[in-house]
Amino acid sequence: MPESPQHRQISERIAKKYGAEYNSVKGPDIVTPDRVIEVGVDPDQVSAEMKQVARFQKARYVAGPAPFVKAALEATAGTGIGVMDGQGNIKKRARSKGR
């Protein structure tokens, strides 16, 4: 599926905020030394975005615009996966695996 302009814009903004590079190919969109972030724009795809980061040991986040964040906050309840808004602000803090 082709990448949406909104997805690219959010990914690049968050990558810049965290001093990382946006990875537009397979795998998580943004990887820093201490966190991994997958950006989504479709609230119906939250679970798919969560699967992208689930296997990582570092702090795991899904991020996106307001409708995505609303769905993500519900979907990530009880998981260690955190949620960020489209600006990269943490709305739900991630818990690292093993803690």
Protein backbone atom coordinates (compact mmCIF):
# COMPACT_ATOMS: atom_id res chain seq x y z
CA MET A 1 0.00 0.00 0.00
CA PRO A 2 1.46 3.40 -0.92
CA GLU A 3 2.46 5.68 1.91
CA SER A 4 0.16 8.62 2.59
CA PRO A 5 1.54 12.17 2.73
CA GLN A 6 0.18 12.44 6.28
CA HIS A 7 2.11 9.31 7.34
CA ARG A 8 5.35 10.65 5.86
CA GLN A 9 4.87 14.09 7.44
CA ILE A 10 4.22 12.67 10.92
CA SER A 11 7.09 10.16 10.61
CA GLU A 12 9.59 12.81 9.56
CA ARG A 13 8.45 15.21 12.31
CA ILE A 14 8.81 12.57 15.05
CA ALA A 15 12.13 11.30 13.69
CA LYS A 16 13.52 14.84 13.75
CA LYS A 17 12.25 15.41 17.30
CA TYR A 18 14.05 12.28 18.54
CA GLY A 19 17.21 12.74 16.46
CA ALA A 20 16.60 9.69 14.32
CA GLU A 21 15.97 8.92 10.66
CA TYR A 22 12.65 7.93 9.18
CA ASN A 23 12.77 4.43 7.69
CA SER A 24 10.21 4.24 4.87
CA VAL A 25 10.95 0.59 4.02
CA LYS A 26 10.02 -2.60 5.89
CA GLY A 27 10.09 -2.54 9.68
CA PRO A 28 9.37 0.18 12.22
CA ASP A 29 9.26 3.75 10.94
CA ILE A 30 11.63 5.20 13.58
CA VAL A 31 14.29 3.47 15.68
CA THR A 32 16.35 5.31 18.30
CA PRO A 33 18.83 3.83 20.79
CA ASP A 34 16.10 3.52 23.44
CA ARG A 35 12.76 3.37 21.57
CA VAL A 36 11.02 2.08 18.48
CA ILE A 37 8.09 3.98 16.93
CA GLU A 38 5.56 2.89 14.32
CA VAL A 39 3.42 5.62 12.76
CA GLY A 40 -0.14 4.98 11.66
CA VAL A 41 -2.92 7.16 10.32
CA ASP A 42 -5.85 4.73 10.09
CA PRO A 43 -7.56 3.99 13.43
CA ASP A 44 -8.65 0.60 12.03
CA GLN A 45 -4.98 -0.40 11.62
CA VAL A 46 -3.84 0.13 15.22
CA SER A 47 -3.37 -3.59 15.91
CA ALA A 48 -1.26 -3.98 12.76
CA GLU A 49 0.95 -1.06 13.85
CA MET A 50 1.28 -2.60 17.32
CA LYS A 51 2.53 -5.85 15.77
CA GLN A 52 5.33 -3.91 14.03
CA VAL A 53 6.86 -2.93 17.39
CA ALA A 54 5.79 -5.87 19.62
CA ARG A 55 8.97 -7.95 19.18
CA PHE A 56 11.39 -5.22 20.26
CA GLN A 57 13.00 -5.08 23.71
CA LYS A 58 13.28 -1.28 23.89
CA ALA A 59 10.39 1.10 24.62
CA ARG A 60 7.71 0.54 21.98
CA TYR A 61 5.35 3.22 20.68
CA VAL A 62 2.65 3.70 18.08
CA ALA A 63 2.01 7.26 16.92
CA GLY A 64 -0.43 9.13 14.74
CA PRO A 65 -3.09 11.83 14.40
CA ALA A 66 -5.89 12.34 16.95
CA PRO A 67 -8.34 9.66 15.66
CA PHE A 68 -5.51 7.10 15.59
CA VAL A 69 -4.35 8.11 19.09
CA LYS A 70 -7.88 7.66 20.48
CA ALA A 71 -8.08 4.11 19.07
CA ALA A 72 -4.49 3.35 20.10
CA LEU A 73 -5.07 4.36 23.73
CA GLU A 74 -7.89 1.82 23.92
CA ALA A 75 -6.02 -0.92 22.02
CA THR A 76 -2.80 -0.60 24.04
CA ALA A 77 -4.48 -0.74 27.46
CA GLY A 78 -2.80 -3.46 29.49
CA THR A 79 0.10 -3.78 27.06
CA GLY A 80 3.57 -2.30 27.42
CA ILE A 81 3.14 -0.36 24.18
CA GLY A 82 3.00 3.42 24.51
CA VAL A 83 1.18 5.99 22.40
CA MET A 84 2.40 9.29 20.89
CA ASP A 85 0.46 11.97 19.08
CA GLY A 86 1.40 13.28 15.63
CA GLN A 87 3.86 15.74 17.20
CA GLY A 88 5.76 12.99 19.05
CA ASN A 89 4.32 13.92 22.45
CA ILE A 90 3.86 10.89 24.70
CA LYS A 91 0.19 10.28 25.56
CA LYS A 92 0.80 6.88 27.20
CA ARG A 93 4.27 5.92 28.42
CA ALA A 94 5.70 2.61 27.21
CA ARG A 95 6.95 -0.03 29.60
CA SER A 96 10.10 -1.84 28.53
CA LYS A 97 9.81 -5.62 28.32
CA GLY A 98 11.02 -7.38 31.41
CA ARG A 99 10.15 -4.54 33.81
